[in-house]
């Protein structure tokens, strides 16, 4: 996110929307079960729905408020770097 912000044409809405797009997936339940048993990575919907609410910019960009499905209180947001 920080690297993207340095771009002249940066758009937080496009950044977060495209982040979600790259992880979207539609598959039969059987395939998703098989994938969960062999893939060490989290499913795409979790990569999006768990990670993005950690960004203040996400909440600001989409007007996420307490009570919304992707709301995460500021003190509960995980910041690694």
PDB file of N, CA and C in Angstrom:
ATOM      1  N   UNK A   1       0.828  -1.189   0.000  1.00  0.00           N
ATOM      2  CA  UNK A   1       0.000   0.000   0.000  1.00  0.00           C
ATOM      3  C   UNK A   1       0.870   1.250   0.000  1.00  0.00           C
ATOM      4  N   UNK A   2       1.893   1.261   0.841  1.00  0.00           N
ATOM      5  CA  UNK A   2       2.750   2.447   0.915  1.00  0.00           C
ATOM      6  C   UNK A   2       3.435   2.706  -0.420  1.00  0.00           C
ATOM      7  N   UNK A   3       3.895   1.657  -1.093  1.00  0.00           N
ATOM      8  CA  UNK A   3       4.535   1.830  -2.402  1.00  0.00           C
ATOM      9  C   UNK A   3       3.528   2.351  -3.418  1.00  0.00           C
ATOM     10  N   UNK A   4       2.322   1.826  -3.386  1.00  0.00           N
ATOM     11  CA  UNK A   4       1.282   2.263  -4.327  1.00  0.00           C
ATOM     12  C   UNK A   4       0.923   3.724  -4.098  1.00  0.00           C
ATOM     13  N   UNK A   5       0.926   4.161  -2.856  1.00  0.00           N
ATOM     14  CA  UNK A   5       0.582   5.550  -2.532  1.00  0.00           C
ATOM     15  C   UNK A   5       1.542   6.550  -3.164  1.00  0.00           C
ATOM     16  N   UNK A   6       2.764   6.112  -3.436  1.00  0.00           N
ATOM     17  CA  UNK A   6       3.750   7.023  -4.019  1.00  0.00           C
ATOM     18  C   UNK A   6       3.517   7.260  -5.509  1.00  0.00           C
ATOM     19  N   UNK A   7       2.646   6.475  -6.106  1.00  0.00           N
ATOM     20  CA  UNK A   7       2.327   6.651  -7.526  1.00  0.00           C
ATOM     21  C   UNK A   7       1.456   7.883  -7.728  1.00  0.00           C
ATOM     22  N   UNK A   8       1.716   8.584  -8.807  1.00  0.00           N
ATOM     23  CA  UNK A   8       0.996   9.818  -9.113  1.00  0.00           C
ATOM     24  C   UNK A   8      -0.509   9.599  -9.253  1.00  0.00           C
ATOM     25  N   UNK A   9      -0.886   8.484  -9.855  1.00  0.00           N
ATOM     26  CA  UNK A   9      -2.307   8.226 -10.126  1.00  0.00           C
ATOM     27  C   UNK A   9      -2.928   7.250  -9.116  1.00  0.00           C
ATOM     28  N   UNK A  10      -2.385   7.190  -7.905  1.00  0.00           N
ATOM     29  CA  UNK A  10      -2.876   6.260  -6.889  1.00  0.00           C
ATOM     30  C   UNK A  10      -4.342   6.514  -6.557  1.00  0.00           C
ATOM     31  N   UNK A  11      -5.092   5.429  -6.473  1.00  0.00           N
ATOM     32  CA  UNK A  11      -6.485   5.475  -6.040  1.00  0.00           C
ATOM     33  C   UNK A  11      -6.670   4.360  -5.011  1.00  0.00           C
ATOM     34  N   UNK A  12      -6.980   4.728  -3.782  1.00  0.00           N
ATOM     35  CA  UNK A  12      -7.185   3.726  -2.734  1.00  0.00           C
ATOM     36  C   UNK A  12      -8.335   2.794  -3.096  1.00  0.00           C
ATOM     37  N   UNK A  13      -9.390   3.348  -3.681  1.00  0.00           N
ATOM     38  CA  UNK A  13     -10.531   2.510  -4.062  1.00  0.00           C
ATOM     39  C   UNK A  13     -10.108   1.464  -5.081  1.00  0.00           C
ATOM     40  N   UNK A  14      -9.348   1.861  -6.093  1.00  0.00           N
ATOM     41  CA  UNK A  14      -8.880   0.902  -7.095  1.00  0.00           C
ATOM     42  C   UNK A  14      -7.918  -0.113  -6.473  1.00  0.00           C
ATOM     43  N   UNK A  15      -7.055   0.351  -5.588  1.00  0.00           N
ATOM     44  CA  UNK A  15      -6.101  -0.546  -4.939  1.00  0.00           C
ATOM     45  C   UNK A  15      -6.827  -1.668  -4.194  1.00  0.00           C
ATOM     46  N   UNK A  16      -7.761  -1.303  -3.325  1.00  0.00           N
ATOM     47  CA  UNK A  16      -8.459  -2.305  -2.519  1.00  0.00           C
ATOM     48  C   UNK A  16      -9.395  -3.173  -3.366  1.00  0.00           C
ATOM     49  N   UNK A  17     -10.046  -2.571  -4.346  1.00  0.00           N
ATOM     50  CA  UNK A  17     -10.936  -3.336  -5.223  1.00  0.00           C
ATOM     51  C   UNK A  17     -10.147  -4.371  -6.015  1.00  0.00           C
ATOM     52  N   UNK A  18      -9.012  -3.974  -6.552  1.00  0.00           N
ATOM     53  CA  UNK A  18      -8.204  -4.913  -7.329  1.00  0.00           C
ATOM     54  C   UNK A  18      -7.545  -5.966  -6.447  1.00  0.00           C
ATOM     55  N   UNK A  19      -7.203  -5.604  -5.225  1.00  0.00           N
ATOM     56  CA  UNK A  19      -6.680  -6.593  -4.282  1.00  0.00           C
ATOM     57  C   UNK A  19      -7.717  -7.702  -4.093  1.00  0.00           C
ATOM     58  N   UNK A  20      -8.961  -7.309  -3.900  1.00  0.00           N
ATOM     59  CA  UNK A  20     -10.035  -8.294  -3.720  1.00  0.00           C
ATOM     60  C   UNK A  20     -10.254  -9.103  -4.995  1.00  0.00           C
ATOM     61  N   UNK A  21     -10.165  -8.453  -6.136  1.00  0.00           N
ATOM     62  CA  UNK A  21     -10.387  -9.155  -7.413  1.00  0.00           C
ATOM     63  C   UNK A  21      -9.384 -10.271  -7.648  1.00  0.00           C
ATOM     64  N   UNK A  22      -8.126 -10.033  -7.296  1.00  0.00           N
ATOM     65  CA  UNK A  22      -7.133 -11.070  -7.591  1.00  0.00           C
ATOM     66  C   UNK A  22      -7.353 -12.332  -6.761  1.00  0.00           C
ATOM     67  N   UNK A  23      -8.068 -12.222  -5.650  1.00  0.00           N
ATOM     68  CA  UNK A  23      -8.296 -13.388  -4.794  1.00  0.00           C
ATOM     69  C   UNK A  23      -9.679 -14.003  -4.954  1.00  0.00           C
ATOM     70  N   UNK A  24     -10.526 -13.426  -5.795  1.00  0.00           N
ATOM     71  CA  UNK A  24     -11.863 -14.015  -5.934  1.00  0.00           C
ATOM     72  C   UNK A  24     -11.770 -15.349  -6.664  1.00  0.00           C
ATOM     73  N   UNK A  25     -12.686 -16.210  -6.331  1.00  0.00           N
ATOM     74  CA  UNK A  25     -12.669 -17.549  -6.905  1.00  0.00           C
ATOM     75  C   UNK A  25     -14.052 -18.166  -6.776  1.00  0.00           C
ATOM     76  N   UNK A  26     -14.424 -18.889  -7.798  1.00  0.00           N
ATOM     77  CA  UNK A  26     -15.685 -19.622  -7.754  1.00  0.00           C
ATOM     78  C   UNK A  26     -15.355 -21.073  -8.065  1.00  0.00           C
ATOM     79  N   UNK A  27     -15.746 -21.949  -7.168  1.00  0.00           N
ATOM     80  CA  UNK A  27     -15.440 -23.364  -7.362  1.00  0.00           C
ATOM     81  C   UNK A  27     -16.466 -24.207  -6.622  1.00  0.00           C
ATOM     82  N   UNK A  28     -16.548 -25.441  -7.037  1.00  0.00           N
ATOM     83  CA  UNK A  28     -17.447 -26.381  -6.369  1.00  0.00           C
ATOM     84  C   UNK A  28     -16.928 -26.647  -4.956  1.00  0.00           C
ATOM     85  N   UNK A  29     -17.829 -26.942  -4.027  1.00  0.00           N
ATOM     86  CA  UNK A  29     -17.408 -27.213  -2.639  1.00  0.00           C
ATOM     87  C   UNK A  29     -16.367 -28.330  -2.537  1.00  0.00           C
ATOM     88  N   UNK A  30     -16.491 -29.337  -3.387  1.00  0.00           N
ATOM     89  CA  UNK A  30     -15.545 -30.458  -3.355  1.00  0.00           C
ATOM     90  C   UNK A  30     -14.124 -29.985  -3.684  1.00  0.00           C
ATOM     91  N   UNK A  31     -14.024 -29.095  -4.662  1.00  0.00           N
ATOM     92  CA  UNK A  31     -12.710 -28.577  -5.036  1.00  0.00           C
ATOM     93  C   UNK A  31     -12.138 -27.717  -3.910  1.00  0.00           C
ATOM     94  N   UNK A  32     -12.972 -26.897  -3.295  1.00  0.00           N
ATOM     95  CA  UNK A  32     -12.509 -26.039  -2.208  1.00  0.00           C
ATOM     96  C   UNK A  32     -12.038 -26.887  -1.019  1.00  0.00           C
ATOM     97  N   UNK A  33     -12.722 -27.994  -0.769  1.00  0.00           N
ATOM     98  CA  UNK A  33     -12.305 -28.911   0.299  1.00  0.00           C
ATOM     99  C   UNK A  33     -10.957 -29.531  -0.019  1.00  0.00           C
ATOM    100  N   UNK A  34     -10.794 -29.972  -1.264  1.00  0.00           N
ATOM    101  CA  UNK A  34      -9.522 -30.559  -1.676  1.00  0.00           C
ATOM    102  C   UNK A  34      -8.410 -29.523  -1.563  1.00  0.00           C
ATOM    103  N   UNK A  35      -8.682 -28.307  -2.014  1.00  0.00           N
ATOM    104  CA  UNK A  35      -7.693 -27.234  -1.960  1.00  0.00           C
ATOM    105  C   UNK A  35      -7.280 -26.949  -0.516  1.00  0.00           C
ATOM    106  N   UNK A  36      -8.243 -26.933   0.377  1.00  0.00           N
ATOM    107  CA  UNK A  36      -7.950 -26.685   1.790  1.00  0.00           C
ATOM    108  C   UNK A  36      -7.064 -27.782   2.385  1.00  0.00           C
ATOM    109  N   UNK A  37      -7.157 -28.979   1.835  1.00  0.00           N
ATOM    110  CA  UNK A  37      -6.365 -30.083   2.380  1.00  0.00           C
ATOM    111  C   UNK A  37      -4.938 -30.129   1.837  1.00  0.00           C
ATOM    112  N   UNK A  38      -4.670 -29.448   0.712  1.00  0.00           N
ATOM    113  CA  UNK A  38      -3.328 -29.519   0.120  1.00  0.00           C
ATOM    114  C   UNK A  38      -2.613 -28.174   0.028  1.00  0.00           C
ATOM    115  N   UNK A  39      -3.340 -27.088   0.095  1.00  0.00           N
ATOM    116  CA  UNK A  39      -2.740 -25.757  -0.064  1.00  0.00           C
ATOM    117  C   UNK A  39      -2.471 -25.149   1.310  1.00  0.00           C
ATOM    118  N   UNK A  40      -1.243 -24.698   1.526  1.00  0.00           N
ATOM    119  CA  UNK A  40      -0.883 -24.123   2.824  1.00  0.00           C
ATOM    120  C   UNK A  40      -1.409 -22.695   2.992  1.00  0.00           C
ATOM    121  N   UNK A  41      -1.878 -22.095   1.911  1.00  0.00           N
ATOM    122  CA  UNK A  41      -2.361 -20.715   1.959  1.00  0.00           C
ATOM    123  C   UNK A  41      -3.841 -20.658   2.339  1.00  0.00           C
ATOM    124  N   UNK A  42      -4.227 -19.536   2.921  1.00  0.00           N
ATOM    125  CA  UNK A  42      -5.640 -19.316   3.256  1.00  0.00           C
ATOM    126  C   UNK A  42      -6.447 -19.155   1.974  1.00  0.00           C
ATOM    127  N   UNK A  43      -7.719 -19.527   1.991  1.00  0.00           N
ATOM    128  CA  UNK A  43      -8.581 -19.302   0.827  1.00  0.00           C
ATOM    129  C   UNK A  43      -8.658 -17.807   0.504  1.00  0.00           C
ATOM    130  N   UNK A  44      -8.897 -17.509  -0.760  1.00  0.00           N
ATOM    131  CA  UNK A  44      -8.919 -16.131  -1.229  1.00  0.00           C
ATOM    132  C   UNK A  44      -9.847 -15.210  -0.464  1.00  0.00           C
ATOM    133  N   UNK A  45     -11.045 -15.687  -0.132  1.00  0.00           N
ATOM    134  CA  UNK A  45     -11.986 -14.802   0.565  1.00  0.00           C
ATOM    135  C   UNK A  45     -11.461 -14.411   1.944  1.00  0.00           C
ATOM    136  N   UNK A  46     -10.690 -15.289   2.569  1.00  0.00           N
ATOM    137  CA  UNK A  46     -10.107 -14.943   3.864  1.00  0.00           C
ATOM    138  C   UNK A  46      -8.934 -13.985   3.699  1.00  0.00           C
ATOM    139  N   UNK A  47      -8.182 -14.150   2.617  1.00  0.00           N
ATOM    140  CA  UNK A  47      -7.067 -13.237   2.354  1.00  0.00           C
ATOM    141  C   UNK A  47      -7.579 -11.812   2.195  1.00  0.00           C
ATOM    142  N   UNK A  48      -8.753 -11.678   1.648  1.00  0.00           N
ATOM    143  CA  UNK A  48      -9.337 -10.352   1.458  1.00  0.00           C
ATOM    144  C   UNK A  48     -10.062  -9.891   2.712  1.00  0.00           C
ATOM    145  N   UNK A  49     -10.983 -10.687   3.191  1.00  0.00           N
ATOM    146  CA  UNK A  49     -11.865 -10.243   4.276  1.00  0.00           C
ATOM    147  C   UNK A  49     -11.179 -10.149   5.634  1.00  0.00           C
ATOM    148  N   UNK A  50     -10.062 -10.820   5.803  1.00  0.00           N
ATOM    149  CA  UNK A  50      -9.337 -10.741   7.068  1.00  0.00           C
ATOM    150  C   UNK A  50      -8.277  -9.639   7.013  1.00  0.00           C
ATOM    151  N   UNK A  51      -7.606  -9.494   5.878  1.00  0.00           N
ATOM    152  CA  UNK A  51      -6.508  -8.531   5.787  1.00  0.00           C
ATOM    153  C   UNK A  51      -6.954  -7.084   5.624  1.00  0.00           C
ATOM    154  N   UNK A  52      -7.867  -6.840   4.705  1.00  0.00           N
ATOM    155  CA  UNK A  52      -8.191  -5.450   4.373  1.00  0.00           C
ATOM    156  C   UNK A  52      -8.721  -4.620   5.538  1.00  0.00           C
ATOM    157  N   UNK A  53      -9.529  -5.166   6.426  1.00  0.00           N
ATOM    158  CA  UNK A  53     -10.006  -4.339   7.548  1.00  0.00           C
ATOM    159  C   UNK A  53      -8.908  -3.884   8.510  1.00  0.00           C
ATOM    160  N   UNK A  54      -7.684  -4.353   8.318  1.00  0.00           N
ATOM    161  CA  UNK A  54      -6.579  -3.892   9.152  1.00  0.00           C
ATOM    162  C   UNK A  54      -6.049  -2.527   8.720  1.00  0.00           C
ATOM    163  N   UNK A  55      -6.461  -2.052   7.554  1.00  0.00           N
ATOM    164  CA  UNK A  55      -5.959  -0.784   7.029  1.00  0.00           C
ATOM    165  C   UNK A  55      -6.922   0.359   7.331  1.00  0.00           C
ATOM    166  N   UNK A  56      -6.404   1.409   7.953  1.00  0.00           N
ATOM    167  CA  UNK A  56      -7.216   2.609   8.186  1.00  0.00           C
ATOM    168  C   UNK A  56      -7.757   3.140   6.866  1.00  0.00           C
ATOM    169  N   UNK A  57      -6.909   3.098   5.833  1.00  0.00           N
ATOM    170  CA  UNK A  57      -7.297   3.613   4.517  1.00  0.00           C
ATOM    171  C   UNK A  57      -8.494   2.858   3.944  1.00  0.00           C
ATOM    172  N   UNK A  58      -8.600   1.577   4.251  1.00  0.00           N
ATOM    173  CA  UNK A  58      -9.738   0.784   3.784  1.00  0.00           C
ATOM    174  C   UNK A  58     -11.029   1.320   4.393  1.00  0.00           C
ATOM    175  N   UNK A  59     -11.002   1.554   5.692  1.00  0.00           N
ATOM    176  CA  UNK A  59     -12.183   2.071   6.390  1.00  0.00           C
ATOM    177  C   UNK A  59     -12.552   3.460   5.866  1.00  0.00           C
ATOM    178  N   UNK A  60     -11.540   4.301   5.661  1.00  0.00           N
ATOM    179  CA  UNK A  60     -11.782   5.658   5.168  1.00  0.00           C
ATOM    180  C   UNK A  60     -12.320   5.640   3.745  1.00  0.00           C
ATOM    181  N   UNK A  61     -11.726   4.824   2.895  1.00  0.00           N
ATOM    182  CA  UNK A  61     -12.096   4.781   1.478  1.00  0.00           C
ATOM    183  C   UNK A  61     -13.533   4.330   1.278  1.00  0.00           C
ATOM    184  N   UNK A  62     -13.944   3.308   1.999  1.00  0.00           N
ATOM    185  CA  UNK A  62     -15.275   2.741   1.791  1.00  0.00           C
ATOM    186  C   UNK A  62     -16.276   3.143   2.873  1.00  0.00           C
ATOM    187  N   UNK A  63     -15.875   4.024   3.759  1.00  0.00           N
ATOM    188  CA  UNK A  63     -16.790   4.497   4.795  1.00  0.00           C
ATOM    189  C   UNK A  63     -17.271   3.389   5.716  1.00  0.00           C
ATOM    190  N   UNK A  64     -16.396   2.432   5.996  1.00  0.00           N
ATOM    191  CA  UNK A  64     -16.763   1.309   6.865  1.00  0.00           C
ATOM    192  C   UNK A  64     -16.934   1.833   8.291  1.00  0.00           C
ATOM    193  N   UNK A  65     -18.049   1.474   8.890  1.00  0.00           N
ATOM    194  CA  UNK A  65     -18.368   1.952  10.233  1.00  0.00           C
ATOM    195  C   UNK A  65     -18.690   0.782  11.154  1.00  0.00           C
ATOM    196  N   UNK A  66     -18.642   1.061  12.429  1.00  0.00           N
ATOM    197  CA  UNK A  66     -18.975   0.036  13.418  1.00  0.00           C
ATOM    198  C   UNK A  66     -20.343  -0.558  13.090  1.00  0.00           C
ATOM    199  N   UNK A  67     -20.423  -1.880  13.113  1.00  0.00           N
ATOM    200  CA  UNK A  67     -21.662  -2.565  12.761  1.00  0.00           C
ATOM    201  C   UNK A  67     -21.625  -3.126  11.346  1.00  0.00           C
ATOM    202  N   UNK A  68     -20.741  -2.594  10.492  1.00  0.00           N
ATOM    203  CA  UNK A  68     -20.592  -3.119   9.135  1.00  0.00           C
ATOM    204  C   UNK A  68     -19.829  -4.440   9.188  1.00  0.00           C
ATOM    205  N   UNK A  69     -20.061  -5.283   8.208  1.00  0.00           N
ATOM    206  CA  UNK A  69     -19.449  -6.609   8.178  1.00  0.00           C
ATOM    207  C   UNK A  69     -17.932  -6.621   8.199  1.00  0.00           C
ATOM    208  N   UNK A  70     -17.298  -5.618   7.604  1.00  0.00           N
ATOM    209  CA  UNK A  70     -15.836  -5.605   7.556  1.00  0.00           C
ATOM    210  C   UNK A  70     -15.236  -4.598   8.532  1.00  0.00           C
ATOM    211  N   UNK A  71     -16.031  -4.151   9.489  1.00  0.00           N
ATOM    212  CA  UNK A  71     -15.533  -3.220  10.505  1.00  0.00           C
ATOM    213  C   UNK A  71     -14.549  -3.929  11.429  1.00  0.00           C
ATOM    214  N   UNK A  72     -13.464  -3.248  11.736  1.00  0.00           N
ATOM    215  CA  UNK A  72     -12.540  -3.713  12.768  1.00  0.00           C
ATOM    216  C   UNK A  72     -12.133  -2.487  13.577  1.00  0.00           C
ATOM    217  N   UNK A  73     -12.299  -2.564  14.870  1.00  0.00           N
ATOM    218  CA  UNK A  73     -11.943  -1.447  15.744  1.00  0.00           C
ATOM    219  C   UNK A  73     -10.457  -1.129  15.598  1.00  0.00           C
ATOM    220  N   UNK A  74     -10.127   0.140  15.681  1.00  0.00           N
ATOM    221  CA  UNK A  74      -8.747   0.587  15.486  1.00  0.00           C
ATOM    222  C   UNK A  74      -7.760  -0.177  16.378  1.00  0.00           C
ATOM    223  N   UNK A  75      -8.145  -0.417  17.618  1.00  0.00           N
ATOM    224  CA  UNK A  75      -7.237  -1.113  18.538  1.00  0.00           C
ATOM    225  C   UNK A  75      -7.088  -2.601  18.210  1.00  0.00           C
ATOM    226  N   UNK A  76      -7.951  -3.140  17.354  1.00  0.00           N
ATOM    227  CA  UNK A  76      -7.876  -4.548  16.961  1.00  0.00           C
ATOM    228  C   UNK A  76      -7.209  -4.753  15.605  1.00  0.00           C
ATOM    229  N   UNK A  77      -6.836  -3.673  14.942  1.00  0.00           N
ATOM    230  CA  UNK A  77      -6.206  -3.771  13.619  1.00  0.00           C
ATOM    231  C   UNK A  77      -4.756  -4.202  13.772  1.00  0.00           C
ATOM    232  N   UNK A  78      -4.371  -5.171  12.962  1.00  0.00           N
ATOM    233  CA  UNK A  78      -3.020  -5.721  13.026  1.00  0.00           C
ATOM    234  C   UNK A  78      -2.110  -4.938  12.088  1.00  0.00           C
ATOM    235  N   UNK A  79      -0.994  -4.462  12.637  1.00  0.00           N
ATOM    236  CA  UNK A  79       0.005  -3.755  11.828  1.00  0.00           C
ATOM    237  C   UNK A  79       1.325  -4.485  12.029  1.00  0.00           C
ATOM    238  N   UNK A  80       1.886  -4.993  10.944  1.00  0.00           N
ATOM    239  CA  UNK A  80       3.122  -5.772  11.048  1.00  0.00           C
ATOM    240  C   UNK A  80       4.347  -4.901  10.793  1.00  0.00           C
ATOM    241  N   UNK A  81       4.322  -4.130   9.704  1.00  0.00           N
ATOM    242  CA  UNK A  81       5.471  -3.278   9.402  1.00  0.00           C
ATOM    243  C   UNK A  81       5.088  -1.846   9.548  1.00  0.00           C
TER     244      UNK A  81
END
